[in-house]
Amino acid sequence: MSELTIDHQPLSGHAAARILTIAGTVDWRTEPHLQEQFDQLLHAGVRRFLLDMKGVNYVNSQGLGFFVHLAGQL
């Protein structure tokens, strides 16, 4: 199983935005960790995300569904 890493940094000039750098595999095994990270940021008031996914080597249908669902929440 590939590990999923997520790092987030503020986006200069945008208090409610973060740059997220995601690396690894986004699938049914790692989606709960991804959900947890986004839930924390949403709870903190973050409403805009810039995703840097150049380090992602695989996204399955559940991972893709997560991003589609997230976009619908924002």
Protein backbone atom coordinates (compact mmCIF):
# COMPACT_ATOMS: atom_id res chain seq x y z
CA MET A 1 0.00 0.00 0.00
CA SER A 2 1.28 3.42 -0.91
CA GLU A 3 1.22 5.96 1.85
CA LEU A 4 -0.71 9.18 1.39
CA THR A 5 0.91 12.41 2.51
CA ILE A 6 -0.86 15.75 2.72
CA ASP A 7 0.80 19.06 3.45
CA HIS A 8 -1.05 22.35 3.54
CA GLN A 9 0.18 25.92 3.43
CA PRO A 10 -1.71 29.21 3.50
CA LEU A 11 -2.32 30.91 0.18
CA SER A 12 -0.87 34.39 0.46
CA GLY A 13 -3.56 37.06 0.60
CA HIS A 14 -6.43 34.58 1.01
CA ALA A 15 -7.26 33.74 4.62
CA ALA A 16 -9.85 31.08 3.72
CA ALA A 17 -7.63 29.29 1.18
CA ARG A 18 -4.91 26.64 1.40
CA ILE A 19 -2.46 25.05 -0.99
CA LEU A 20 -2.56 21.29 -0.45
CA THR A 21 0.28 19.12 -1.66
CA ILE A 22 -0.93 15.54 -1.92
CA ALA A 23 1.35 12.59 -2.69
CA GLY A 24 0.83 8.84 -2.88
CA THR A 25 -2.28 6.84 -3.68
CA VAL A 26 -5.86 8.07 -3.29
CA ASP A 27 -8.08 5.02 -2.91
CA TRP A 28 -10.40 3.32 -0.43
CA ARG A 29 -7.53 2.75 2.03
CA THR A 30 -6.31 6.35 2.12
CA GLU A 31 -9.60 8.22 1.54
CA PRO A 32 -10.50 8.29 5.28
CA HIS A 33 -7.21 10.10 6.04
CA LEU A 34 -7.85 12.54 3.21
CA GLN A 35 -11.41 13.12 4.47
CA GLU A 36 -10.12 13.76 8.00
CA GLN A 37 -7.66 16.39 6.77
CA PHE A 38 -10.28 18.19 4.67
CA ASP A 39 -12.81 18.05 7.54
CA GLN A 40 -10.30 19.77 9.85
CA LEU A 41 -9.63 22.50 7.30
CA LEU A 42 -13.33 23.01 6.55
CA HIS A 43 -14.06 23.22 10.28
CA ALA A 44 -11.34 25.91 10.54
CA GLY A 45 -13.13 27.98 7.89
CA VAL A 46 -11.10 27.09 4.80
CA ARG A 47 -13.35 27.19 1.73
CA ARG A 48 -10.91 27.28 -1.19
CA PHE A 49 -8.27 24.72 -2.06
CA LEU A 50 -5.48 24.70 -4.61
CA LEU A 51 -4.45 21.08 -5.06
CA ASP A 52 -0.91 20.14 -6.06
CA MET A 53 -1.27 16.48 -6.99
CA LYS A 54 1.89 15.98 -9.02
CA GLY A 55 3.02 13.44 -6.41
CA VAL A 56 -0.17 11.37 -6.70
CA ASN A 57 0.56 8.15 -8.56
CA TYR A 58 -2.94 6.62 -8.52
CA VAL A 59 -6.55 7.71 -7.95
CA ASN A 60 -9.32 5.11 -8.05
CA SER A 61 -13.04 5.77 -8.49
CA GLN A 62 -13.59 6.25 -4.74
CA GLY A 63 -10.80 8.83 -4.63
CA LEU A 64 -12.24 10.64 -7.63
CA GLY A 65 -15.68 10.52 -6.02
CA PHE A 66 -14.24 12.12 -2.89
CA PHE A 67 -12.99 15.13 -4.88
CA VAL A 68 -16.30 15.46 -6.77
CA HIS A 69 -18.23 15.35 -3.49
CA LEU A 70 -15.86 17.87 -1.89
CA ALA A 71 -16.36 20.30 -4.79
CA GLY A 72 -20.11 20.06 -4.24
CA GLN A 73 -19.68 21.04 -0.58
CA LEU A 74 -17.79 24.25 -1.30
